[in-house]
Amino acid sequence: MVLGGISASTQAEIDLHLHSNISDGVQADDHLVELVMQAGVAVAAVTDHDSIASALDPTLVARLRALGAQAPRFVPGVEFTCWLDTPIRPGCRQEVHVVGLGCNPYQPALQAALSRQRLSAIARIRTCVARLNADGYPLRFAEVGFAAARQGLHKWHIGKALAAHGYAGSAEVAVKTLVSPRFPKPEAGTTTALLTPAQAILLIRAAGGVAVLAHPQRNVPANDPAAATDLLVSFKMHGLDAVEVYRVDLPATERPMYEKVAQSLGLLLSGGTDYHGAGDTGGPRFPGDAHAPLSLWAPLEALIHARGGVTDVCDVAPKSLLHANAAERLLLGNVQRRRRDSAP
C-alpha cells in the first residue's frame, strides 16, 4: 500500500511534533533522523518553538538526501507560543501552542513574526531575572545563557541556573517555586507580547501551512467535553485546521473525547511525541511513542498542497546569506551558528 508516496507496509506512523537544539531540544535536527528511522516513523516534523530554521538547515537536507529512498519525510514545521487573554475555564492555562506544518519558511510575514516572538521570549526572561535580583537572588542573564548551552533560551534554563547556585534542589523545583511566580505574562503592546492564536493561525495559513492545536488537554480541565468543545470551536472560528490527539501525555481514555469533538467540527487529526530529549516534561519519551497512524498524514498533506505549502524540507529552495533578506539572514545565521557550536 502506498499512501502519499510513502509505503505504509514498511513504516506506519507519523510524528509531527519534535524539537531540536534550535529551540529547547537536545539533539541537532539531522541527528533526529536516526531516531525517527529507528522508530519506524515515515513522516516527521521538527517544530521548534517560534523558529522554522530547521527547514533551512542544509545539514538536515544533506542527511536525508544521502539516505535516498530509505529516508523518512521531514515536513517544515514550527510551534508558535500564543496567549489567550481569557482562559477557556477559570484557572486553566492561558499559554497555547499552535503548530504550523508545511509552511514556506521564506514567507516574509512568517519570518518577521517569528523574529518578534523570539525577542519577546528574551525580554520575558530578562524581566524575570531582574525580579529575582530584586528579591535577593543574585543571578546574571548570562548565566541563563550558559545554562541553555546550545539550546534556545527558555524559562526552564532560569531554573537550571538557580539550581546550580543552590537556591533549589532541582531545575524543576526552581521553576515551580521561584521562576513561575516572577515570570511576566505576555502583555499586549509591550516588548513581552505574544501572538494570539488567531494571529498565529493566519500566519501559518498565509505561508501555505496547516494550523494544528498542540496538546489541547493542557488548556482544558480533565475529561471536560464542554470545555474541549468551547476551546476547539473558538479556534475553528479563527481557521484552525487540526488537533493533536495522538500524544504521549494524553491518556488513551481521553483521546476519544478529543477525536469526537474535533471530527464533529470538521477538524483533521494529528499527533506527535513533543520529543525534546533530556528534560522532557512528564518523563522520558522518544520519537514514535505517540503511535500516530500514517493514515492521518494524507489529508494534512492534501491541504498543504492545496495552499501551495511545502511537504518536504528537501523541496525548500536553498538560499545563501548573500541573497537573503534581513529576516532570512537571522534564521540562516542561527542554523549555521548552532552547527558550528555543535561540531566536535
C-alpha atoms as a PDB file:
ATOM      1  CA  MET A   1       0.000   0.000   0.000  1.00  0.00           C
ATOM      2  CA  VAL A   2       1.299   3.458  -0.887  1.00  0.00           C
ATOM      3  CA  LEU A   3      -0.021   6.483   0.958  1.00  0.00           C
ATOM      4  CA  GLY A   4       1.034   9.960  -0.132  1.00  0.00           C
ATOM      5  CA  GLY A   5       4.029   8.479  -1.942  1.00  0.00           C
ATOM      6  CA  ILE A   6       5.157   6.582   1.190  1.00  0.00           C
ATOM      7  CA  SER A   7       4.974   2.844   1.659  1.00  0.00           C
ATOM      8  CA  ALA A   8       2.660   2.073   4.569  1.00  0.00           C
ATOM      9  CA  SER A   9       3.814  -1.543   4.706  1.00  0.00           C
ATOM     10  CA  THR A  10       7.307  -0.676   5.977  1.00  0.00           C
ATOM     11  CA  GLN A  11       6.683   2.485   8.013  1.00  0.00           C
ATOM     12  CA  ALA A  12       3.294   3.091   9.517  1.00  0.00           C
ATOM     13  CA  GLU A  13       3.498   6.087  11.819  1.00  0.00           C
ATOM     14  CA  ILE A  14       3.935   9.835  11.844  1.00  0.00           C
ATOM     15  CA  ASP A  15       5.472  12.145  14.429  1.00  0.00           C
ATOM     16  CA  LEU A  16       4.626  15.754  13.647  1.00  0.00           C
ATOM     17  CA  HIS A  17       5.896  17.336  16.863  1.00  0.00           C
ATOM     18  CA  LEU A  18       9.641  17.084  17.554  1.00  0.00           C
ATOM     19  CA  HIS A  19      12.154  19.578  18.939  1.00  0.00           C
ATOM     20  CA  SER A  20      15.815  20.132  18.136  1.00  0.00           C
ATOM     21  CA  ASN A  21      18.507  22.226  19.792  1.00  0.00           C
ATOM     22  CA  ILE A  22      17.475  25.153  17.606  1.00  0.00           C
ATOM     23  CA  SER A  23      14.939  25.711  20.392  1.00  0.00           C
ATOM     24  CA  ASP A  24      14.811  23.692  23.619  1.00  0.00           C
ATOM     25  CA  GLY A  25      15.582  20.209  22.355  1.00  0.00           C
ATOM     26  CA  VAL A  26      18.826  18.325  22.919  1.00  0.00           C
ATOM     27  CA  GLN A  27      19.507  16.759  19.520  1.00  0.00           C
ATOM     28  CA  ALA A  28      20.603  18.578  16.371  1.00  0.00           C
ATOM     29  CA  ASP A  29      17.865  18.270  13.760  1.00  0.00           C
ATOM     30  CA  ASP A  30      19.881  15.946  11.499  1.00  0.00           C
ATOM     31  CA  HIS A  31      20.521  13.652  14.480  1.00  0.00           C
ATOM     32  CA  LEU A  32      16.762  13.260  14.858  1.00  0.00           C
ATOM     33  CA  VAL A  33      16.709  11.442  11.513  1.00  0.00           C
ATOM     34  CA  GLU A  34      18.278   8.324  13.056  1.00  0.00           C
ATOM     35  CA  LEU A  35      15.817   8.278  15.962  1.00  0.00           C
ATOM     36  CA  VAL A  36      12.889   8.719  13.599  1.00  0.00           C
ATOM     37  CA  MET A  37      14.077   5.863  11.391  1.00  0.00           C
ATOM     38  CA  GLN A  38      14.656   3.551  14.344  1.00  0.00           C
ATOM     39  CA  ALA A  39      11.071   4.175  15.443  1.00  0.00           C
ATOM     40  CA  GLY A  40       9.652   3.319  12.009  1.00  0.00           C
ATOM     41  CA  VAL A  41       8.248   6.807  11.526  1.00  0.00           C
ATOM     42  CA  ALA A  42       7.512   7.654   7.898  1.00  0.00           C
ATOM     43  CA  VAL A  43       6.661  11.360   8.219  1.00  0.00           C
ATOM     44  CA  ALA A  44       8.140  13.683  10.825  1.00  0.00           C
ATOM     45  CA  ALA A  45       8.304  17.396  11.565  1.00  0.00           C
ATOM     46  CA  VAL A  46      10.771  19.389  13.629  1.00  0.00           C
ATOM     47  CA  THR A  47       8.525  22.003  15.241  1.00  0.00           C
ATOM     48  CA  ASP A  48      10.880  24.190  17.210  1.00  0.00           C
ATOM     49  CA  HIS A  49       9.472  26.941  19.380  1.00  0.00           C
ATOM     50  CA  ASP A  50       8.988  30.126  17.365  1.00  0.00           C
ATOM     51  CA  SER A  51      11.539  29.023  14.766  1.00  0.00           C
ATOM     52  CA  ILE A  52      11.287  27.337  11.387  1.00  0.00           C
ATOM     53  CA  ALA A  53      15.072  27.376  10.952  1.00  0.00           C
ATOM     54  CA  SER A  54      15.269  23.580  10.805  1.00  0.00           C
ATOM     55  CA  ALA A  55      13.583  23.690   7.380  1.00  0.00           C
ATOM     56  CA  LEU A  56      16.512  25.822   6.193  1.00  0.00           C
ATOM     57  CA  ASP A  57      19.270  23.606   7.577  1.00  0.00           C
ATOM     58  CA  PRO A  58      21.414  22.244   4.708  1.00  0.00           C
ATOM     59  CA  THR A  59      22.883  19.570   7.005  1.00  0.00           C
ATOM     60  CA  LEU A  60      19.447  18.051   7.606  1.00  0.00           C
ATOM     61  CA  VAL A  61      18.676  18.087   3.888  1.00  0.00           C
ATOM     62  CA  ALA A  62      22.054  16.533   3.046  1.00  0.00           C
ATOM     63  CA  ARG A  63      21.446  13.733   5.553  1.00  0.00           C
ATOM     64  CA  LEU A  64      18.008  12.958   4.125  1.00  0.00           C
ATOM     65  CA  ARG A  65      19.243  13.002   0.539  1.00  0.00           C
ATOM     66  CA  ALA A  66      22.132  10.702   1.401  1.00  0.00           C
ATOM     67  CA  LEU A  67      19.626   8.142   2.663  1.00  0.00           C
ATOM     68  CA  GLY A  68      17.743   8.202  -0.634  1.00  0.00           C
ATOM     69  CA  ALA A  69      14.600   6.091  -0.745  1.00  0.00           C
ATOM     70  CA  GLN A  70      15.136   4.936   2.836  1.00  0.00           C
ATOM     71  CA  ALA A  71      14.774   8.462   4.205  1.00  0.00           C
ATOM     72  CA  PRO A  72      11.684   9.449   6.154  1.00  0.00           C
ATOM     73  CA  ARG A  73       9.798  12.546   5.041  1.00  0.00           C
ATOM     74  CA  PHE A  74      10.598  15.645   7.084  1.00  0.00           C
ATOM     75  CA  VAL A  75       7.960  18.361   6.811  1.00  0.00           C
ATOM     76  CA  PRO A  76       8.777  22.029   7.555  1.00  0.00           C
ATOM     77  CA  GLY A  77       7.388  22.787  10.999  1.00  0.00           C
ATOM     78  CA  VAL A  78       7.154  25.452  13.676  1.00  0.00           C
ATOM     79  CA  GLU A  79       5.437  25.761  17.063  1.00  0.00           C
ATOM     80  CA  PHE A  80       4.039  29.199  17.886  1.00  0.00           C
ATOM     81  CA  THR A  81       3.788  30.207  21.526  1.00  0.00           C
ATOM     82  CA  CYS A  82       0.491  32.080  21.881  1.00  0.00           C
ATOM     83  CA  TRP A  83      -1.517  33.698  24.655  1.00  0.00           C
ATOM     84  CA  LEU A  84      -5.217  33.604  25.466  1.00  0.00           C
ATOM     85  CA  ASP A  85      -6.441  36.824  27.065  1.00  0.00           C
ATOM     86  CA  THR A  86      -9.142  34.781  28.789  1.00  0.00           C
ATOM     87  CA  PRO A  87      -8.648  31.095  29.722  1.00  0.00           C
ATOM     88  CA  ILE A  88     -11.240  28.668  28.426  1.00  0.00           C
ATOM     89  CA  ARG A  89     -12.175  27.975  32.061  1.00  0.00           C
ATOM     90  CA  PRO A  90     -11.114  29.870  35.205  1.00  0.00           C
ATOM     91  CA  GLY A  91      -7.688  28.723  36.340  1.00  0.00           C
ATOM     92  CA  CYS A  92      -6.793  26.960  33.079  1.00  0.00           C
ATOM     93  CA  ARG A  93      -3.579  27.701  31.217  1.00  0.00           C
ATOM     94  CA  GLN A  94      -3.534  30.786  29.030  1.00  0.00           C
ATOM     95  CA  GLU A  95      -0.393  29.872  27.110  1.00  0.00           C
ATOM     96  CA  VAL A  96      -1.394  27.971  23.975  1.00  0.00           C
ATOM     97  CA  HIS A  97       0.816  26.331  21.364  1.00  0.00           C
ATOM     98  CA  VAL A  98      -0.132  26.219  17.692  1.00  0.00           C
ATOM     99  CA  VAL A  99       1.910  24.047  15.340  1.00  0.00           C
ATOM    100  CA  GLY A 100       2.362  25.051  11.728  1.00  0.00           C
ATOM    101  CA  LEU A 101       3.058  22.224   9.263  1.00  0.00           C
ATOM    102  CA  GLY A 102       4.120  22.722   5.652  1.00  0.00           C
ATOM    103  CA  CYS A 103       4.791  26.454   5.852  1.00  0.00           C
ATOM    104  CA  ASN A 104       7.039  28.119   3.313  1.00  0.00           C
ATOM    105  CA  PRO A 105       9.950  29.110   5.592  1.00  0.00           C
ATOM    106  CA  TYR A 106      10.797  32.115   3.399  1.00  0.00           C
ATOM    107  CA  GLN A 107       7.362  33.746   3.716  1.00  0.00           C
ATOM    108  CA  PRO A 108       8.182  37.326   4.864  1.00  0.00           C
ATOM    109  CA  ALA A 109       5.285  37.820   7.318  1.00  0.00           C
ATOM    110  CA  LEU A 110       6.024  34.464   8.953  1.00  0.00           C
ATOM    111  CA  GLN A 111       9.721  35.272   9.334  1.00  0.00           C
ATOM    112  CA  ALA A 112       9.041  38.710  10.812  1.00  0.00           C
ATOM    113  CA  ALA A 113       6.541  37.309  13.325  1.00  0.00           C
ATOM    114  CA  LEU A 114       8.935  34.582  14.448  1.00  0.00           C
ATOM    115  CA  SER A 115      11.696  37.135  14.974  1.00  0.00           C
ATOM    116  CA  ARG A 116       9.362  39.190  17.174  1.00  0.00           C
ATOM    117  CA  GLN A 117       8.347  36.090  19.112  1.00  0.00           C
ATOM    118  CA  ARG A 118      11.952  35.205  19.918  1.00  0.00           C
ATOM    119  CA  LEU A 119      12.741  38.757  21.023  1.00  0.00           C
ATOM    120  CA  SER A 120       9.654  38.699  23.233  1.00  0.00           C
ATOM    121  CA  ALA A 121      10.833  35.482  24.893  1.00  0.00           C
ATOM    122  CA  ILE A 122      14.213  37.039  25.671  1.00  0.00           C
ATOM    123  CA  ALA A 123      12.519  40.134  27.113  1.00  0.00           C
ATOM    124  CA  ARG A 124      10.413  37.992  29.479  1.00  0.00           C
ATOM    125  CA  ILE A 125      13.491  36.089  30.648  1.00  0.00           C
ATOM    126  CA  ARG A 126      15.360  39.349  31.308  1.00  0.00           C
ATOM    127  CA  THR A 127      12.397  40.684  33.287  1.00  0.00           C
ATOM    128  CA  CYS A 128      12.221  37.504  35.356  1.00  0.00           C
ATOM    129  CA  VAL A 129      15.938  37.666  36.136  1.00  0.00           C
ATOM    130  CA  ALA A 130      15.556  41.314  37.212  1.00  0.00           C
ATOM    131  CA  ARG A 131      12.686  40.363  39.544  1.00  0.00           C
ATOM    132  CA  LEU A 132      14.756  37.561  41.044  1.00  0.00           C
ATOM    133  CA  ASN A 133      17.615  40.004  41.640  1.00  0.00           C
ATOM    134  CA  ALA A 134      15.244  42.428  43.357  1.00  0.00           C
ATOM    135  CA  ASP A 135      14.080  39.615  45.653  1.00  0.00           C
ATOM    136  CA  GLY A 136      17.603  38.699  46.721  1.00  0.00           C
ATOM    137  CA  TYR A 137      18.613  36.051  44.173  1.00  0.00           C
ATOM    138  CA  PRO A 138      21.808  37.339  42.513  1.00  0.00           C
ATOM    139  CA  LEU A 139      21.618  35.795  39.056  1.00  0.00           C
ATOM    140  CA  ARG A 140      23.038  37.199  35.829  1.00  0.00           C
ATOM    141  CA  PHE A 141      21.269  36.927  32.489  1.00  0.00           C
ATOM    142  CA  ALA A 142      24.489  35.493  31.047  1.00  0.00           C
ATOM    143  CA  GLU A 143      24.245  32.579  33.477  1.00  0.00           C
ATOM    144  CA  VAL A 144      20.888  31.658  31.978  1.00  0.00           C
ATOM    145  CA  GLY A 145      22.574  31.604  28.579  1.00  0.00           C
ATOM    146  CA  PHE A 146      25.310  29.327  29.921  1.00  0.00           C
ATOM    147  CA  ALA A 147      22.651  27.021  31.378  1.00  0.00           C
ATOM    148  CA  ALA A 148      20.957  26.846  27.978  1.00  0.00           C
ATOM    149  CA  ALA A 149      24.249  25.891  26.266  1.00  0.00           C
ATOM    150  CA  ARG A 150      23.251  25.205  22.647  1.00  0.00           C
ATOM    151  CA  GLN A 151      19.503  25.309  23.309  1.00  0.00           C
ATOM    152  CA  GLY A 152      17.207  28.248  22.692  1.00  0.00           C
ATOM    153  CA  LEU A 153      16.519  30.268  25.853  1.00  0.00           C
ATOM    154  CA  HIS A 154      13.573  29.052  27.942  1.00  0.00           C
ATOM    155  CA  LYS A 155      12.403  29.768  31.472  1.00  0.00           C
ATOM    156  CA  TRP A 156      13.499  26.231  32.396  1.00  0.00           C
ATOM    157  CA  HIS A 157      17.070  27.462  31.945  1.00  0.00           C
ATOM    158  CA  ILE A 158      16.493  30.123  34.622  1.00  0.00           C
ATOM    159  CA  GLY A 159      15.546  27.277  36.949  1.00  0.00           C
ATOM    160  CA  LYS A 160      18.631  25.351  35.930  1.00  0.00           C
ATOM    161  CA  ALA A 161      20.862  28.340  36.715  1.00  0.00           C
ATOM    162  CA  LEU A 162      19.136  28.879  40.082  1.00  0.00           C
ATOM    163  CA  ALA A 163      19.587  25.216  40.989  1.00  0.00           C
ATOM    164  CA  ALA A 164      23.282  25.486  40.135  1.00  0.00           C
ATOM    165  CA  HIS A 165      23.525  28.289  42.725  1.00  0.00           C
ATOM    166  CA  GLY A 166      21.855  26.049  45.316  1.00  0.00           C
ATOM    167  CA  TYR A 167      18.651  28.081  45.548  1.00  0.00           C
ATOM    168  CA  ALA A 168      16.592  24.948  44.829  1.00  0.00           C
ATOM    169  CA  GLY A 169      17.130  21.213  44.779  1.00  0.00           C
ATOM    170  CA  SER A 170      16.459  20.923  41.048  1.00  0.00           C
ATOM    171  CA  ALA A 171      15.633  22.997  37.998  1.00  0.00           C
ATOM    172  CA  GLU A 172      12.048  21.745  38.149  1.00  0.00           C
ATOM    173  CA  VAL A 173      11.616  22.895  41.753  1.00  0.00           C
ATOM    174  CA  ALA A 174      13.236  26.240  40.941  1.00  0.00           C
ATOM    175  CA  VAL A 175      10.872  26.827  38.024  1.00  0.00           C
ATOM    176  CA  LYS A 176       7.809  25.986  40.096  1.00  0.00           C
ATOM    177  CA  THR A 177       8.706  27.927  43.242  1.00  0.00           C
ATOM    178  CA  LEU A 178      10.963  30.771  42.071  1.00  0.00           C
ATOM    179  CA  VAL A 179      10.644  31.320  38.330  1.00  0.00           C
ATOM    180  CA  SER A 180       6.956  30.899  37.500  1.00  0.00           C
ATOM    181  CA  PRO A 181       5.694  33.335  40.179  1.00  0.00           C
ATOM    182  CA  ARG A 182       8.018  36.013  38.756  1.00  0.00           C
ATOM    183  CA  PHE A 183       7.744  35.230  35.057  1.00  0.00           C
ATOM    184  CA  PRO A 184       5.873  38.063  33.300  1.00  0.00           C
ATOM    185  CA  LYS A 185       2.686  37.481  31.397  1.00  0.00           C
ATOM    186  CA  PRO A 186       2.875  38.497  27.729  1.00  0.00           C
ATOM    187  CA  GLU A 187       1.070  41.828  27.862  1.00  0.00           C
ATOM    188  CA  ALA A 188      -0.242  43.315  24.630  1.00  0.00           C
ATOM    189  CA  GLY A 189       1.553  46.374  23.343  1.00  0.00           C
ATOM    190  CA  THR A 190       4.797  45.628  25.214  1.00  0.00           C
ATOM    191  CA  THR A 191       8.121  44.011  24.347  1.00  0.00           C
ATOM    192  CA  THR A 192       6.890  40.850  26.078  1.00  0.00           C
ATOM    193  CA  ALA A 193       3.752  40.471  23.933  1.00  0.00           C
ATOM    194  CA  LEU A 194       2.911  37.176  22.242  1.00  0.00           C
ATOM    195  CA  LEU A 195       0.745  36.381  19.253  1.00  0.00           C
ATOM    196  CA  THR A 196      -2.864  35.434  19.803  1.00  0.00           C
ATOM    197  CA  PRO A 197      -3.872  32.009  18.447  1.00  0.00           C
ATOM    198  CA  ALA A 198      -5.883  33.775  15.733  1.00  0.00           C
ATOM    199  CA  GLN A 199      -2.791  35.685  14.574  1.00  0.00           C
ATOM    200  CA  ALA A 200      -0.647  32.541  14.539  1.00  0.00           C
ATOM    201  CA  ILE A 201      -3.246  30.605  12.551  1.00  0.00           C
ATOM    202  CA  LEU A 202      -3.496  33.405   9.987  1.00  0.00           C
ATOM    203  CA  LEU A 203       0.295  33.471   9.554  1.00  0.00           C
ATOM    204  CA  ILE A 204       0.500  29.695   9.145  1.00  0.00           C
ATOM    205  CA  ARG A 205      -2.224  29.560   6.523  1.00  0.00           C
ATOM    206  CA  ALA A 206      -0.793  32.554   4.635  1.00  0.00           C
ATOM    207  CA  ALA A 207       2.518  30.652   4.431  1.00  0.00           C
ATOM    208  CA  GLY A 208       0.769  27.644   2.875  1.00  0.00           C
ATOM    209  CA  GLY A 209       0.693  25.547   6.034  1.00  0.00           C
ATOM    210  CA  VAL A 210      -1.901  23.844   8.185  1.00  0.00           C
ATOM    211  CA  ALA A 211      -2.535  25.055  11.733  1.00  0.00           C
ATOM    212  CA  VAL A 212      -2.653  22.388  14.445  1.00  0.00           C
ATOM    213  CA  LEU A 213      -3.587  22.901  18.088  1.00  0.00           C
ATOM    214  CA  ALA A 214      -0.877  21.210  20.135  1.00  0.00           C
ATOM    215  CA  HIS A 215      -1.594  19.246  23.337  1.00  0.00           C
ATOM    216  CA  PRO A 216      -5.191  20.548  23.767  1.00  0.00           C
ATOM    217  CA  GLN A 217      -5.546  18.816  27.141  1.00  0.00           C
ATOM    218  CA  ARG A 218      -3.255  21.416  28.707  1.00  0.00           C
ATOM    219  CA  ASN A 219      -5.838  24.154  28.232  1.00  0.00           C
ATOM    220  CA  VAL A 220      -8.991  22.410  29.458  1.00  0.00           C
ATOM    221  CA  PRO A 221      -9.955  20.602  32.677  1.00  0.00           C
ATOM    222  CA  ALA A 222      -9.506  16.846  32.523  1.00  0.00           C
ATOM    223  CA  ASN A 223     -12.381  14.906  30.942  1.00  0.00           C
ATOM    224  CA  ASP A 224     -14.464  18.028  30.311  1.00  0.00           C
ATOM    225  CA  PRO A 225     -16.137  17.666  26.887  1.00  0.00           C
ATOM    226  CA  ALA A 226     -17.878  21.033  27.175  1.00  0.00           C
ATOM    227  CA  ALA A 227     -14.594  22.857  27.809  1.00  0.00           C
ATOM    228  CA  ALA A 228     -12.875  20.949  24.993  1.00  0.00           C
ATOM    229  CA  THR A 229     -15.718  21.875  22.662  1.00  0.00           C
ATOM    230  CA  ASP A 230     -15.576  25.534  23.636  1.00  0.00           C
ATOM    231  CA  LEU A 231     -11.816  25.608  23.073  1.00  0.00           C
ATOM    232  CA  LEU A 232     -11.930  23.960  19.646  1.00  0.00           C
ATOM    233  CA  VAL A 233     -14.960  25.951  18.498  1.00  0.00           C
ATOM    234  CA  SER A 234     -13.184  29.212  19.297  1.00  0.00           C
ATOM    235  CA  PHE A 235     -10.071  28.099  17.406  1.00  0.00           C
ATOM    236  CA  LYS A 236     -12.098  26.740  14.488  1.00  0.00           C
ATOM    237  CA  MET A 237     -13.680  30.180  14.093  1.00  0.00           C
ATOM    238  CA  HIS A 238     -10.194  31.576  13.503  1.00  0.00           C
ATOM    239  CA  GLY A 239      -9.283  28.937  10.910  1.00  0.00           C
ATOM    240  CA  LEU A 240      -7.753  26.071  12.884  1.00  0.00           C
ATOM    241  CA  ASP A 241      -7.239  23.006  10.675  1.00  0.00           C
ATOM    242  CA  ALA A 242      -6.333  20.142  13.003  1.00  0.00           C
ATOM    243  CA  VAL A 243      -5.824  18.956  16.580  1.00  0.00           C
ATOM    244  CA  GLU A 244      -3.146  16.781  18.152  1.00  0.00           C
ATOM    245  CA  VAL A 245      -4.982  13.803  19.605  1.00  0.00           C
ATOM    246  CA  TYR A 246      -2.167  11.231  19.462  1.00  0.00           C
ATOM    247  CA  ARG A 247       0.088  12.295  22.327  1.00  0.00           C
ATOM    248  CA  VAL A 248       2.260  10.539  24.882  1.00  0.00           C
ATOM    249  CA  ASP A 249       0.819  12.766  27.603  1.00  0.00           C
ATOM    250  CA  LEU A 250      -2.833  12.405  26.588  1.00  0.00           C
ATOM    251  CA  PRO A 251      -4.369   9.384  28.338  1.00  0.00           C
ATOM    252  CA  ALA A 252      -5.863   6.879  25.928  1.00  0.00           C
ATOM    253  CA  THR A 253      -9.121   7.166  27.840  1.00  0.00           C
ATOM    254  CA  GLU A 254      -9.370  10.878  26.932  1.00  0.00           C
ATOM    255  CA  ARG A 255      -8.381  10.614  23.264  1.00  0.00           C
ATOM    256  CA  PRO A 256     -11.877   9.558  22.058  1.00  0.00           C
ATOM    257  CA  MET A 257     -13.341  12.717  23.572  1.00  0.00           C
ATOM    258  CA  TYR A 258     -10.969  14.973  21.615  1.00  0.00           C
ATOM    259  CA  GLU A 259     -11.390  12.903  18.453  1.00  0.00           C
ATOM    260  CA  LYS A 260     -15.179  13.162  18.680  1.00  0.00           C
ATOM    261  CA  VAL A 261     -15.161  16.920  19.251  1.00  0.00           C
ATOM    262  CA  ALA A 262     -12.578  17.546  16.524  1.00  0.00           C
ATOM    263  CA  GLN A 263     -14.364  15.433  13.950  1.00  0.00           C
ATOM    264  CA  SER A 264     -17.726  16.988  14.766  1.00  0.00           C
ATOM    265  CA  LEU A 265     -16.189  20.355  13.867  1.00  0.00           C
ATOM    266  CA  GLY A 266     -14.581  19.096  10.666  1.00  0.00           C
ATOM    267  CA  LEU A 267     -11.063  19.351  12.087  1.00  0.00           C
ATOM    268  CA  LEU A 268      -8.310  16.982  10.979  1.00  0.00           C
ATOM    269  CA  LEU A 269      -6.342  14.855  13.434  1.00  0.00           C
ATOM    270  CA  SER A 270      -2.605  14.944  14.051  1.00  0.00           C
ATOM    271  CA  GLY A 271      -0.136  13.584  16.553  1.00  0.00           C
ATOM    272  CA  GLY A 272       3.394  13.761  17.867  1.00  0.00           C
ATOM    273  CA  THR A 273       5.547  12.948  20.847  1.00  0.00           C
ATOM    274  CA  ASP A 274       6.725  16.513  21.614  1.00  0.00           C
ATOM    275  CA  TYR A 275      10.175  14.969  21.931  1.00  0.00           C
ATOM    276  CA  HIS A 276      12.886  17.200  23.409  1.00  0.00           C
ATOM    277  CA  GLY A 277      15.392  14.697  24.750  1.00  0.00           C
ATOM    278  CA  ALA A 278      16.733  15.055  28.282  1.00  0.00           C
ATOM    279  CA  GLY A 279      14.385  17.088  30.414  1.00  0.00           C
ATOM    280  CA  ASP A 280      11.166  16.088  28.653  1.00  0.00           C
ATOM    281  CA  THR A 281       8.173  17.147  30.725  1.00  0.00           C
ATOM    282  CA  GLY A 282       6.241  14.170  32.071  1.00  0.00           C
ATOM    283  CA  GLY A 283       9.050  11.632  31.783  1.00  0.00           C
ATOM    284  CA  PRO A 284      11.226  10.159  29.019  1.00  0.00           C
ATOM    285  CA  ARG A 285       9.776   9.841  25.540  1.00  0.00           C
ATOM    286  CA  PHE A 286      11.176   9.104  22.107  1.00  0.00           C
ATOM    287  CA  PRO A 287      10.123   9.772  18.510  1.00  0.00           C
ATOM    288  CA  GLY A 288       7.263   7.480  17.550  1.00  0.00           C
ATOM    289  CA  ASP A 289       5.999   6.947  21.099  1.00  0.00           C
ATOM    290  CA  ALA A 290       2.714   8.713  20.308  1.00  0.00           C
ATOM    291  CA  HIS A 291       1.913   5.963  17.747  1.00  0.00           C
ATOM    292  CA  ALA A 292       0.037   8.298  15.427  1.00  0.00           C
ATOM    293  CA  PRO A 293      -1.060   6.285  12.370  1.00  0.00           C
ATOM    294  CA  LEU A 294       0.266   7.162   8.928  1.00  0.00           C
ATOM    295  CA  SER A 295      -3.320   7.438   7.663  1.00  0.00           C
ATOM    296  CA  LEU A 296      -3.552  10.858   9.359  1.00  0.00           C
ATOM    297  CA  TRP A 297      -0.951  12.305   7.001  1.00  0.00           C
ATOM    298  CA  ALA A 298      -2.804  12.093   3.668  1.00  0.00           C
ATOM    299  CA  PRO A 299      -5.497  14.748   4.412  1.00  0.00           C
ATOM    300  CA  LEU A 300      -2.913  17.035   6.022  1.00  0.00           C
ATOM    301  CA  GLU A 301      -0.639  16.664   3.002  1.00  0.00           C
ATOM    302  CA  ALA A 302      -3.512  17.362   0.597  1.00  0.00           C
ATOM    303  CA  LEU A 303      -4.408  20.562   2.441  1.00  0.00           C
ATOM    304  CA  ILE A 304      -0.798  21.773   2.386  1.00  0.00           C
ATOM    305  CA  HIS A 305      -0.595  21.120  -1.349  1.00  0.00           C
ATOM    306  CA  ALA A 306      -3.890  22.946  -1.905  1.00  0.00           C
ATOM    307  CA  ARG A 307      -2.470  26.010  -0.152  1.00  0.00           C
ATOM    308  CA  GLY A 308       0.822  25.934  -2.011  1.00  0.00           C
ATOM    309  CA  GLY A 309       2.848  24.902   1.021  1.00  0.00           C
ATOM    310  CA  VAL A 310       5.863  22.606   1.302  1.00  0.00           C
ATOM    311  CA  THR A 311       5.580  18.969   2.402  1.00  0.00           C
ATOM    312  CA  ASP A 312       9.283  18.090   2.317  1.00  0.00           C
ATOM    313  CA  VAL A 313      12.258  20.090   3.595  1.00  0.00           C
ATOM    314  CA  CYS A 314      14.235  18.698   0.659  1.00  0.00           C
ATOM    315  CA  ASP A 315      11.997  20.791  -1.613  1.00  0.00           C
ATOM    316  CA  VAL A 316      12.860  24.077   0.118  1.00  0.00           C
ATOM    317  CA  ALA A 317      14.945  26.110  -2.311  1.00  0.00           C
ATOM    318  CA  PRO A 318      18.297  26.888  -0.648  1.00  0.00           C
ATOM    319  CA  LYS A 319      19.431  30.485  -0.317  1.00  0.00           C
ATOM    320  CA  SER A 320      22.815  31.885   0.544  1.00  0.00           C
ATOM    321  CA  LEU A 321      23.187  34.548   3.201  1.00  0.00           C
ATOM    322  CA  LEU A 322      24.351  36.912   0.468  1.00  0.00           C
ATOM    323  CA  HIS A 323      20.964  36.769  -1.287  1.00  0.00           C
ATOM    324  CA  ALA A 324      18.772  36.551   1.831  1.00  0.00           C
ATOM    325  CA  ASN A 325      16.777  39.397   3.312  1.00  0.00           C
ATOM    326  CA  ALA A 326      17.293  40.505   6.936  1.00  0.00           C
ATOM    327  CA  ALA A 327      14.793  38.054   8.434  1.00  0.00           C
ATOM    328  CA  GLU A 328      16.210  35.180   6.376  1.00  0.00           C
ATOM    329  CA  ARG A 329      19.761  36.036   7.445  1.00  0.00           C
ATOM    330  CA  LEU A 330      18.662  35.833  11.075  1.00  0.00           C
ATOM    331  CA  LEU A 331      17.216  32.353  10.571  1.00  0.00           C
ATOM    332  CA  LEU A 332      20.035  31.022   8.408  1.00  0.00           C
ATOM    333  CA  GLY A 333      22.695  32.572  10.619  1.00  0.00           C
ATOM    334  CA  ASN A 334      21.118  30.929  13.666  1.00  0.00           C
ATOM    335  CA  VAL A 335      21.302  27.499  11.999  1.00  0.00           C
ATOM    336  CA  GLN A 336      24.914  27.963  10.945  1.00  0.00           C
ATOM    337  CA  ARG A 337      25.989  29.230  14.372  1.00  0.00           C
ATOM    338  CA  ARG A 338      24.422  26.252  16.124  1.00  0.00           C
ATOM    339  CA  ARG A 339      26.019  23.913  13.619  1.00  0.00           C
ATOM    340  CA  ARG A 340      29.470  25.365  14.384  1.00  0.00           C
ATOM    341  CA  ASP A 341      28.837  25.185  18.138  1.00  0.00           C
ATOM    342  CA  SER A 342      27.835  21.515  17.989  1.00  0.00           C
ATOM    343  CA  ALA A 343      30.783  20.456  15.830  1.00  0.00           C
ATOM    344  CA  PRO A 344      33.258  18.139  17.616  1.00  0.00           C
END
